[in-house]
N, C-alpha and C. Protein backbone atom coordinates (compact mmCIF):
# COMPACT_ATOMS: atom_id res chain seq x y z
N MET A 1 -16.00 78.99 -20.00
CA MET A 1 -14.86 78.11 -20.72
C MET A 1 -13.89 78.02 -19.95
N PRO A 2 -13.82 76.38 -19.32
CA PRO A 2 -12.56 76.24 -18.23
C PRO A 2 -11.40 76.75 -18.67
N LYS A 3 -10.37 77.12 -17.65
CA LYS A 3 -8.42 77.70 -18.55
C LYS A 3 -7.68 76.10 -17.86
N VAL A 4 -7.33 75.66 -18.51
CA VAL A 4 -6.59 73.94 -17.92
C VAL A 4 -5.13 74.12 -18.71
N LEU A 5 -4.09 73.99 -17.43
CA LEU A 5 -2.99 74.14 -17.51
C LEU A 5 -2.36 72.47 -17.67
N VAL A 6 -1.69 71.89 -18.58
CA VAL A 6 -1.54 70.78 -18.93
C VAL A 6 0.47 71.00 -18.68
N ALA A 7 1.14 69.97 -17.86
CA ALA A 7 2.48 69.92 -18.31
C ALA A 7 3.07 68.52 -19.11
N ILE A 8 3.38 69.06 -20.09
CA ILE A 8 4.27 68.03 -20.89
C ILE A 8 5.80 67.98 -20.66
N ASP A 9 6.28 66.96 -20.57
CA ASP A 9 7.08 66.30 -20.32
C ASP A 9 8.20 65.08 -21.33
N GLY A 10 7.13 65.05 -22.56
CA GLY A 10 7.73 64.43 -23.33
C GLY A 10 7.45 62.51 -23.58
N SER A 11 6.88 62.57 -22.13
CA SER A 11 6.43 61.35 -21.94
C SER A 11 5.06 60.73 -22.27
N ALA A 12 4.80 59.55 -22.64
CA ALA A 12 3.13 59.01 -22.77
C ALA A 12 2.38 59.00 -21.71
N HIS A 13 2.43 59.69 -20.59
CA HIS A 13 1.46 59.86 -19.35
C HIS A 13 1.66 61.17 -19.59
N ALA A 14 2.42 62.10 -20.16
CA ALA A 14 1.82 63.40 -20.31
C ALA A 14 0.59 63.86 -21.24
N VAL A 15 1.23 62.88 -22.59
CA VAL A 15 0.05 63.09 -23.62
C VAL A 15 -1.01 62.44 -23.29
N ALA A 16 -0.87 60.74 -22.76
CA ALA A 16 -2.66 60.65 -21.78
C ALA A 16 -3.48 61.89 -20.58
N ALA A 17 -2.34 62.41 -20.34
CA ALA A 17 -3.00 63.64 -19.26
C ALA A 17 -3.73 64.67 -20.21
N LEU A 18 -2.99 64.95 -21.49
CA LEU A 18 -3.70 65.99 -22.26
C LEU A 18 -4.83 65.31 -22.86
N ARG A 19 -4.89 63.98 -23.63
CA ARG A 19 -6.33 63.34 -24.18
C ARG A 19 -7.11 63.42 -23.26
N ALA A 20 -7.21 63.31 -21.90
CA ALA A 20 -7.52 63.22 -20.85
C ALA A 20 -8.60 64.64 -20.68
N ALA A 21 -7.74 65.19 -20.73
CA ALA A 21 -8.15 67.05 -20.48
C ALA A 21 -9.04 66.83 -21.31
N ALA A 22 -8.52 66.85 -22.78
CA ALA A 22 -9.21 67.48 -23.86
C ALA A 22 -10.91 66.52 -24.07
N HIS A 23 -10.61 65.38 -23.41
CA HIS A 23 -12.28 64.44 -23.17
C HIS A 23 -13.04 65.22 -22.49
N LEU A 24 -12.20 65.41 -21.11
CA LEU A 24 -13.10 66.26 -20.00
C LEU A 24 -13.48 67.26 -19.99
N PHE A 25 -12.95 68.09 -20.62
CA PHE A 25 -13.07 69.63 -20.85
C PHE A 25 -13.69 70.32 -21.87
N GLY A 26 -13.09 69.19 -23.34
CA GLY A 26 -13.66 69.88 -24.49
C GLY A 26 -13.05 70.82 -25.62
N ASP A 27 -13.83 71.24 -26.39
CA ASP A 27 -12.29 72.15 -27.47
C ASP A 27 -12.91 73.13 -26.85
N THR A 28 -13.87 73.59 -26.11
CA THR A 28 -14.11 74.90 -25.74
C THR A 28 -13.19 75.78 -24.72
N ALA A 29 -12.41 74.63 -24.14
CA ALA A 29 -11.48 75.29 -22.58
C ALA A 29 -10.66 75.96 -23.27
N THR A 30 -9.60 76.72 -22.80
CA THR A 30 -8.36 77.25 -23.12
C THR A 30 -7.30 76.37 -22.29
N TYR A 31 -6.24 75.69 -23.24
CA TYR A 31 -5.30 75.08 -22.80
C TYR A 31 -4.18 75.63 -23.01
N THR A 32 -3.58 75.54 -21.68
CA THR A 32 -2.19 76.22 -21.47
C THR A 32 -0.97 74.86 -21.84
N LEU A 33 -0.15 74.85 -22.23
CA LEU A 33 0.87 73.70 -21.76
C LEU A 33 2.18 74.21 -21.87
N VAL A 34 2.91 73.28 -20.77
CA VAL A 34 3.83 73.95 -19.88
C VAL A 34 4.91 72.77 -19.66
N SER A 35 6.08 73.10 -20.32
CA SER A 35 7.19 72.39 -20.22
C SER A 35 8.25 73.04 -19.77
N ILE A 36 8.93 72.04 -18.75
CA ILE A 36 10.08 73.03 -17.80
C ILE A 36 11.03 71.87 -18.23
N ILE A 37 12.13 72.67 -18.70
CA ILE A 37 13.80 71.90 -18.94
C ILE A 37 14.34 71.59 -17.87
N PRO A 38 14.22 70.12 -17.42
CA PRO A 38 15.41 70.13 -16.19
C PRO A 38 16.48 70.43 -16.71
N PRO A 39 17.29 70.97 -15.36
CA PRO A 39 18.51 71.36 -15.21
C PRO A 39 19.74 70.54 -16.10
N TRP A 40 19.42 69.11 -15.90
CA TRP A 40 20.49 67.93 -16.10
C TRP A 40 20.61 67.81 -17.54
N SER A 41 18.85 68.50 -18.53
CA SER A 41 18.99 68.03 -19.94
C SER A 41 19.79 68.23 -20.76
N THR A 42 20.50 69.38 -20.45
CA THR A 42 21.64 70.10 -21.66
C THR A 42 22.93 68.96 -21.61
N ALA A 43 23.26 68.39 -20.47
CA ALA A 43 24.46 67.35 -20.28
C ALA A 43 23.99 66.24 -20.90
N VAL A 44 22.71 65.83 -20.78
CA VAL A 44 21.79 65.00 -21.52
C VAL A 44 22.21 64.67 -22.92
N THR A 45 21.63 65.88 -23.47
CA THR A 45 21.93 66.58 -24.79
C THR A 45 22.98 66.64 -25.50
N MET A 46 23.90 66.59 -24.51
CA MET A 46 25.11 66.76 -25.38
C MET A 46 25.88 65.16 -24.85
N ALA A 47 25.54 64.41 -24.41
CA ALA A 47 26.15 63.21 -23.96
C ALA A 47 25.10 62.21 -25.07
N ALA A 48 24.41 62.64 -25.37
CA ALA A 48 23.50 61.63 -26.21
C ALA A 48 24.62 62.13 -27.91
N ASP A 49 24.54 63.39 -28.07
CA ASP A 49 25.53 64.03 -29.08
C ASP A 49 27.14 63.39 -29.19
N GLY A 50 27.17 62.64 -28.01
CA GLY A 50 28.44 62.18 -27.84
C GLY A 50 29.98 62.77 -27.32
N GLU A 51 29.31 63.87 -27.10
CA GLU A 51 30.30 64.85 -26.74
C GLU A 51 31.49 64.50 -25.21
N LEU A 52 30.03 64.28 -24.46
CA LEU A 52 30.73 63.73 -22.87
C LEU A 52 31.56 62.83 -22.64
N ASP A 53 31.48 61.66 -23.86
CA ASP A 53 32.21 61.07 -23.59
C ASP A 53 33.82 60.50 -24.38
N TRP A 54 33.78 61.82 -24.86
CA TRP A 54 35.20 62.19 -25.60
C TRP A 54 36.20 61.69 -25.15
N ASP A 55 37.12 61.10 -25.63
CA ASP A 55 38.56 60.77 -25.19
C ASP A 55 39.44 61.57 -25.38
N ALA A 56 40.00 62.78 -24.53
CA ALA A 56 40.90 63.63 -25.00
C ALA A 56 42.27 62.77 -25.64
N SER A 57 42.31 61.57 -25.34
CA SER A 57 43.72 61.15 -26.58
C SER A 57 43.75 60.57 -27.53
N ALA A 58 42.40 60.28 -28.28
CA ALA A 58 42.06 60.37 -29.40
C ALA A 58 42.02 61.04 -30.22
N GLY A 59 42.28 62.31 -29.91
CA GLY A 59 42.81 63.76 -30.89
C GLY A 59 41.58 64.04 -30.78
N ASP A 60 40.89 64.65 -32.14
CA ASP A 60 39.65 65.76 -31.88
C ASP A 60 38.98 65.24 -33.15
N PRO A 61 37.63 64.51 -32.63
CA PRO A 61 36.75 63.80 -33.46
C PRO A 61 36.15 64.54 -33.78
N SER A 62 35.73 64.78 -34.95
CA SER A 62 34.79 65.43 -35.73
C SER A 62 34.92 67.48 -35.26
N GLY A 63 35.37 67.76 -34.79
CA GLY A 63 35.85 68.85 -34.35
C GLY A 63 35.40 69.36 -33.32
N VAL A 64 34.99 68.59 -32.24
CA VAL A 64 34.90 68.51 -30.90
C VAL A 64 35.59 70.16 -30.18
N ARG A 65 36.68 70.12 -30.50
CA ARG A 65 37.47 71.78 -29.59
C ARG A 65 36.49 72.90 -30.91
N ASP A 66 35.63 73.06 -31.56
CA ASP A 66 35.18 73.90 -31.87
C ASP A 66 33.99 74.65 -31.17
N ARG A 67 33.86 72.94 -30.81
CA ARG A 67 32.40 73.43 -29.87
C ARG A 67 32.62 73.07 -28.02
N GLY A 68 34.17 72.92 -28.01
CA GLY A 68 34.50 73.09 -26.46
C GLY A 68 35.77 72.38 -26.37
N ALA A 69 36.31 72.62 -25.34
CA ALA A 69 37.99 72.46 -25.47
C ALA A 69 38.26 71.18 -24.36
N SER A 70 39.15 70.60 -24.27
CA SER A 70 39.68 69.75 -23.31
C SER A 70 40.47 70.29 -21.88
N ILE A 71 39.79 70.01 -20.89
CA ILE A 71 40.45 70.83 -19.83
C ILE A 71 41.39 69.44 -18.94
N GLY A 72 42.57 69.53 -18.66
CA GLY A 72 43.25 68.45 -17.64
C GLY A 72 42.59 67.19 -18.06
N SER A 73 41.90 66.61 -16.87
CA SER A 73 41.22 64.85 -17.09
C SER A 73 39.79 65.31 -17.45
N SER A 74 39.51 66.46 -17.93
CA SER A 74 37.96 66.55 -18.12
C SER A 74 38.03 66.50 -19.62
N PRO A 75 37.08 65.34 -19.86
CA PRO A 75 37.19 64.98 -21.12
C PRO A 75 36.08 65.92 -22.29
N PHE A 76 35.40 67.25 -21.72
CA PHE A 76 35.04 68.00 -22.47
C PHE A 76 34.44 69.02 -21.84
N THR A 77 34.73 69.92 -22.07
CA THR A 77 34.21 71.82 -21.39
C THR A 77 33.38 72.01 -22.24
N PRO A 78 31.69 72.48 -22.79
CA PRO A 78 31.43 72.85 -23.77
C PRO A 78 31.59 74.69 -23.53
N THR A 79 31.79 75.04 -25.03
CA THR A 79 31.71 76.58 -24.78
C THR A 79 30.08 76.83 -24.38
N ALA A 80 29.93 78.29 -24.15
CA ALA A 80 28.87 78.80 -24.09
C ALA A 80 28.03 78.89 -25.25
N ASP A 81 28.46 78.54 -26.37
CA ASP A 81 27.67 79.07 -27.97
C ASP A 81 26.97 77.29 -27.93
N TYR A 82 28.05 76.31 -27.66
CA TYR A 82 27.33 74.88 -27.42
C TYR A 82 26.45 74.60 -26.43
N ILE A 83 26.41 75.27 -25.29
CA ILE A 83 25.46 75.06 -24.52
C ILE A 83 24.15 75.72 -24.65
N ASP A 84 24.02 76.80 -25.47
CA ASP A 84 23.04 77.30 -26.17
C ASP A 84 22.62 76.98 -27.14
N SER A 85 23.26 76.24 -27.89
CA SER A 85 22.99 74.98 -28.93
C SER A 85 22.40 74.04 -28.68
N ALA A 86 22.79 73.42 -27.54
CA ALA A 86 21.71 72.41 -26.64
C ALA A 86 20.62 72.74 -26.07
N SER A 87 20.88 73.84 -25.36
CA SER A 87 19.85 74.58 -24.52
C SER A 87 18.51 74.35 -25.89
N GLU A 88 18.47 75.14 -26.89
CA GLU A 88 17.84 76.11 -27.90
C GLU A 88 17.35 74.42 -28.71
N ALA A 89 17.88 73.27 -28.62
CA ALA A 89 17.59 72.06 -29.25
C ALA A 89 16.26 71.50 -28.56
N LEU A 90 16.68 71.45 -27.13
CA LEU A 90 15.91 71.15 -26.11
C LEU A 90 14.55 71.97 -25.79
N GLN A 91 14.52 73.04 -26.18
CA GLN A 91 13.40 74.09 -26.85
C GLN A 91 13.00 73.57 -27.90
N ASP A 92 13.10 73.25 -28.66
CA ASP A 92 12.53 72.99 -30.01
C ASP A 92 12.07 71.70 -29.47
N PHE A 93 12.52 70.79 -29.01
CA PHE A 93 12.19 69.43 -28.37
C PHE A 93 11.03 69.57 -27.96
N TYR A 94 10.69 69.91 -27.00
CA TYR A 94 9.89 70.27 -25.83
C TYR A 94 8.43 71.12 -26.83
N LEU A 95 8.71 71.84 -27.42
CA LEU A 95 7.99 72.77 -28.31
C LEU A 95 7.23 71.56 -29.38
N THR A 96 7.99 70.81 -30.04
CA THR A 96 7.39 69.74 -30.91
C THR A 96 6.65 68.72 -30.20
N GLU A 97 7.39 68.20 -29.06
CA GLU A 97 6.37 67.50 -28.01
C GLU A 97 4.84 67.95 -27.41
N GLN A 98 5.18 69.35 -27.45
CA GLN A 98 3.39 69.98 -27.06
C GLN A 98 2.76 70.00 -27.93
N ARG A 99 3.07 70.35 -29.86
CA ARG A 99 2.58 70.68 -30.83
C ARG A 99 2.08 68.92 -30.80
N ARG A 100 2.65 68.17 -30.88
CA ARG A 100 2.14 66.76 -31.19
C ARG A 100 1.04 66.43 -30.08
N ALA A 101 1.15 66.27 -28.91
CA ALA A 101 0.13 66.14 -27.95
C ALA A 101 -0.80 66.95 -28.14
N ALA A 102 -0.86 68.19 -28.52
CA ALA A 102 -2.45 68.72 -28.93
C ALA A 102 -2.97 68.46 -29.85
N GLU A 103 -2.09 68.28 -31.21
CA GLU A 103 -2.74 67.07 -32.47
C GLU A 103 -3.06 65.66 -31.80
N ALA A 104 -2.35 65.07 -31.31
CA ALA A 104 -2.92 64.10 -30.78
C ALA A 104 -4.32 63.94 -29.94
N ALA A 105 -4.53 65.17 -29.34
CA ALA A 105 -5.31 65.57 -28.22
C ALA A 105 -6.95 65.99 -29.05
N GLY A 106 -6.72 66.37 -30.62
CA GLY A 106 -7.78 67.32 -31.27
C GLY A 106 -7.89 68.80 -30.64
N ILE A 107 -6.43 69.39 -30.09
CA ILE A 107 -7.16 70.44 -29.58
C ILE A 107 -6.32 71.57 -29.92
N SER A 108 -6.63 72.87 -29.63
CA SER A 108 -5.26 73.90 -30.05
C SER A 108 -4.55 74.62 -28.32
N ALA A 109 -3.59 74.85 -28.42
CA ALA A 109 -3.39 75.18 -27.08
C ALA A 109 -2.06 76.24 -27.46
N VAL A 110 -1.82 77.04 -26.29
CA VAL A 110 -0.58 77.82 -26.18
C VAL A 110 0.58 77.33 -25.37
N ALA A 111 1.33 77.51 -26.16
CA ALA A 111 2.57 76.58 -25.20
C ALA A 111 3.43 77.52 -24.45
N HIS A 112 4.65 76.94 -23.61
CA HIS A 112 5.20 77.66 -23.00
C HIS A 112 6.38 76.71 -22.55
N VAL A 113 8.00 76.76 -22.84
CA VAL A 113 8.77 76.09 -22.78
C VAL A 113 9.94 77.21 -21.37
N MET A 114 9.94 76.43 -20.16
CA MET A 114 11.00 77.17 -19.65
C MET A 114 12.37 76.39 -19.16
N GLU A 115 13.14 77.18 -18.62
CA GLU A 115 14.12 76.24 -18.03
C GLU A 115 14.19 76.18 -16.58
N ALA A 116 14.23 75.07 -16.07
CA ALA A 116 14.23 74.75 -14.22
C ALA A 116 14.75 75.89 -13.76
N ALA A 117 14.86 76.12 -12.68
CA ALA A 117 14.83 77.87 -11.83
C ALA A 117 16.20 76.84 -10.89
N GLY A 118 16.47 75.68 -10.88
CA GLY A 118 17.21 74.64 -9.96
C GLY A 118 17.28 73.70 -10.00
N MET A 119 17.85 72.65 -9.24
CA MET A 119 18.44 71.35 -9.65
C MET A 119 17.62 70.48 -9.24
N LYS A 120 16.76 70.75 -8.09
CA LYS A 120 15.70 69.24 -7.63
C LYS A 120 14.54 69.41 -7.94
N LYS A 121 13.98 68.46 -8.47
CA LYS A 121 12.64 68.54 -9.21
C LYS A 121 11.62 69.30 -8.55
N ARG A 122 11.80 69.22 -7.31
CA ARG A 122 10.27 69.97 -6.32
C ARG A 122 10.53 71.51 -7.20
N ARG A 123 11.55 72.02 -7.84
CA ARG A 123 11.56 73.18 -8.14
C ARG A 123 10.53 73.15 -9.55
N ILE A 124 10.82 72.29 -10.21
CA ILE A 124 10.12 71.98 -11.28
C ILE A 124 8.52 72.21 -10.95
N GLY A 125 8.20 71.28 -9.84
CA GLY A 125 6.63 71.18 -9.49
C GLY A 125 6.46 72.90 -9.39
N ARG A 126 7.59 73.35 -8.72
CA ARG A 126 7.07 74.68 -8.26
C ARG A 126 6.70 75.47 -9.29
N GLN A 127 7.54 75.67 -10.47
CA GLN A 127 7.31 76.29 -11.38
C GLN A 127 5.95 76.26 -12.36
N ILE A 128 5.66 75.00 -12.17
CA ILE A 128 4.21 74.34 -12.98
C ILE A 128 3.62 75.12 -11.99
N CYS A 129 3.25 75.17 -10.87
CA CYS A 129 2.48 75.64 -10.05
C CYS A 129 2.27 76.80 -10.22
N GLN A 130 3.40 78.00 -10.13
CA GLN A 130 3.49 79.33 -10.71
C GLN A 130 2.87 79.55 -11.84
N CYS A 131 3.15 78.82 -12.63
CA CYS A 131 2.46 78.95 -14.39
C CYS A 131 1.33 79.04 -14.12
N ALA A 132 0.72 78.01 -13.48
CA ALA A 132 -0.85 77.88 -12.90
C ALA A 132 -1.30 79.20 -12.36
N GLU A 133 -0.44 79.76 -11.41
CA GLU A 133 -0.96 81.13 -10.90
C GLU A 133 -1.23 82.15 -11.50
N GLN A 134 -0.14 82.37 -12.63
CA GLN A 134 0.45 83.38 -13.69
C GLN A 134 -0.97 83.20 -14.55
N HIS A 135 -0.91 82.02 -15.07
CA HIS A 135 -2.51 81.89 -16.01
C HIS A 135 -3.71 82.01 -15.73
N ASP A 136 -3.73 81.92 -13.99
CA ASP A 136 -5.24 81.73 -13.70
C ASP A 136 -5.90 80.96 -14.39
N VAL A 137 -5.34 79.74 -14.12
CA VAL A 137 -5.94 78.32 -14.70
C VAL A 137 -7.08 77.84 -13.74
N ASP A 138 -8.09 77.11 -14.25
CA ASP A 138 -8.90 76.48 -13.32
C ASP A 138 -8.16 75.34 -12.51
N VAL A 139 -7.53 74.60 -13.53
CA VAL A 139 -6.93 73.28 -13.21
C VAL A 139 -6.16 72.73 -13.71
N ILE A 140 -5.41 71.71 -12.98
CA ILE A 140 -3.59 71.79 -13.50
C ILE A 140 -3.53 70.03 -13.97
N VAL A 141 -3.39 69.31 -14.89
CA VAL A 141 -3.21 68.67 -15.30
C VAL A 141 -2.05 68.34 -15.79
N VAL A 142 -1.41 66.89 -15.00
CA VAL A 142 -0.20 66.09 -15.14
C VAL A 142 -0.62 64.57 -15.22
N GLY A 143 0.54 63.60 -15.35
CA GLY A 143 0.53 62.80 -15.39
C GLY A 143 1.16 61.89 -13.99
N PRO A 144 1.21 60.76 -13.70
CA PRO A 144 1.42 60.50 -12.59
C PRO A 144 3.21 60.66 -12.52
N HIS A 145 3.58 60.68 -13.45
CA HIS A 145 5.43 60.52 -13.21
C HIS A 145 5.91 60.80 -15.01
N GLY A 146 7.10 60.92 -15.01
CA GLY A 146 7.79 61.12 -16.61
C GLY A 146 7.88 59.65 -16.93
N SER A 147 9.05 59.64 -17.37
CA SER A 147 9.27 57.94 -18.19
C SER A 147 10.14 57.80 -16.93
N SER A 148 10.70 57.75 -15.91
CA SER A 148 11.70 56.78 -15.02
C SER A 148 11.19 55.65 -14.62
N HIS A 149 11.91 54.53 -14.20
CA HIS A 149 11.36 53.19 -14.07
C HIS A 149 10.70 53.54 -12.78
N ALA A 150 11.58 54.23 -11.79
CA ALA A 150 10.81 54.33 -10.22
C ALA A 150 9.30 55.01 -9.91
N GLY A 151 9.33 55.69 -10.76
CA GLY A 151 8.01 56.31 -11.24
C GLY A 151 6.77 55.10 -11.52
N GLU A 152 7.21 54.19 -12.39
CA GLU A 152 6.11 53.56 -12.44
C GLU A 152 5.46 52.46 -11.07
N VAL A 153 5.88 52.85 -10.42
CA VAL A 153 5.70 52.34 -8.92
C VAL A 153 5.74 53.40 -7.88
N PHE A 154 6.05 54.70 -7.92
CA PHE A 154 5.26 55.69 -6.99
C PHE A 154 4.98 56.86 -8.03
N LEU A 155 4.40 57.44 -7.05
CA LEU A 155 3.70 58.73 -7.62
C LEU A 155 4.91 59.85 -8.07
N GLY A 156 5.03 59.97 -8.94
CA GLY A 156 6.52 60.96 -9.33
C GLY A 156 6.44 62.43 -8.67
N SER A 157 7.96 62.61 -8.40
CA SER A 157 8.29 63.61 -7.13
C SER A 157 7.60 65.24 -7.60
N VAL A 158 7.69 65.46 -9.14
CA VAL A 158 6.69 66.93 -9.54
C VAL A 158 5.48 66.63 -9.12
N SER A 159 4.97 65.37 -9.70
CA SER A 159 3.43 65.31 -9.20
C SER A 159 2.79 65.18 -7.92
N GLN A 160 3.79 64.32 -7.28
CA GLN A 160 3.48 64.97 -5.78
C GLN A 160 3.80 65.88 -5.25
N TYR A 161 4.52 66.80 -5.60
CA TYR A 161 4.55 68.03 -5.34
C TYR A 161 3.60 69.19 -5.89
N ILE A 162 2.82 69.18 -7.00
CA ILE A 162 2.00 69.66 -8.02
C ILE A 162 0.75 68.93 -6.45
N LEU A 163 0.85 68.39 -6.19
CA LEU A 163 -0.53 67.82 -5.85
C LEU A 163 -0.60 68.37 -4.39
N HIS A 164 0.71 68.41 -3.61
CA HIS A 164 0.34 68.84 -2.55
C HIS A 164 0.68 70.32 -2.11
N HIS A 165 1.16 71.09 -3.43
CA HIS A 165 1.34 72.58 -3.19
C HIS A 165 0.48 73.66 -4.14
N ALA A 166 -0.49 72.74 -5.32
CA ALA A 166 -0.99 73.74 -6.07
C ALA A 166 -2.25 74.34 -5.38
N SER A 167 -2.58 75.58 -5.77
CA SER A 167 -3.61 76.44 -4.88
C SER A 167 -5.17 76.21 -5.49
N ARG A 168 -4.94 75.30 -6.59
CA ARG A 168 -5.87 75.03 -7.64
C ARG A 168 -6.20 73.82 -7.93
N PRO A 169 -7.73 73.09 -8.02
CA PRO A 169 -7.95 71.46 -8.14
C PRO A 169 -6.36 71.03 -9.18
N VAL A 170 -6.05 69.75 -8.90
CA VAL A 170 -5.18 69.09 -9.82
C VAL A 170 -5.68 67.43 -10.32
N LEU A 171 -5.50 67.29 -11.45
CA LEU A 171 -5.96 65.70 -11.94
C LEU A 171 -4.75 65.17 -12.52
N VAL A 172 -4.77 64.32 -11.77
CA VAL A 172 -3.41 63.41 -12.26
C VAL A 172 -3.92 62.02 -13.00
N VAL A 173 -3.51 61.75 -14.56
CA VAL A 173 -3.84 60.84 -15.25
C VAL A 173 -3.10 59.97 -15.65
N ARG A 174 -3.30 58.78 -15.50
CA ARG A 174 -2.76 57.30 -15.64
C ARG A 174 -2.48 57.42 -17.19
N ALA A 175 -1.47 56.68 -18.22
CA ALA A 175 -1.42 56.45 -19.36
C ALA A 175 -2.14 55.23 -18.80
N ASP A 176 -2.60 54.70 -20.12
CA ASP A 176 -2.85 53.00 -20.56
C ASP A 176 -1.68 52.62 -20.99
N ASP A 177 -1.50 51.41 -19.88
CA ASP A 177 -0.15 50.94 -20.48
C ASP A 177 -0.59 49.48 -21.02
């Protein structure tokens, strides 16, 4: 029974990769899904929440100071609790994406979400390779890139890192456009 690791980043390409893996390896394979939270995601989450665009001269909209404080010209300095809250929200997001992808592919899987070990995308690829080693999988399955527009032209940097550094076979699956 093959052991398959699939990287899930919330993109359509990742879902297509898991569907392809399920089609190729069937429901008898053991699936491990891994998502790596990029280091910039917490800031993106806070920006989506409107926190990073806060105008300190406008007062305290919706209790922002309860979650952070204005420091000089810095618009918003989040508290440790708020950063933890944003990180937990991202963990939940990736676990939900993994569950949805597994359901769409018709398989059951073990889910793992980890925070990136550094600011560079190659470190995300390195963590995926390390996870493959730790779980002693037979194959790593990835999409060609995440949701960036540059990735539509080139193989993404995470996928490229995995292709060049993984110690086991790698399957790169292109999503149907």
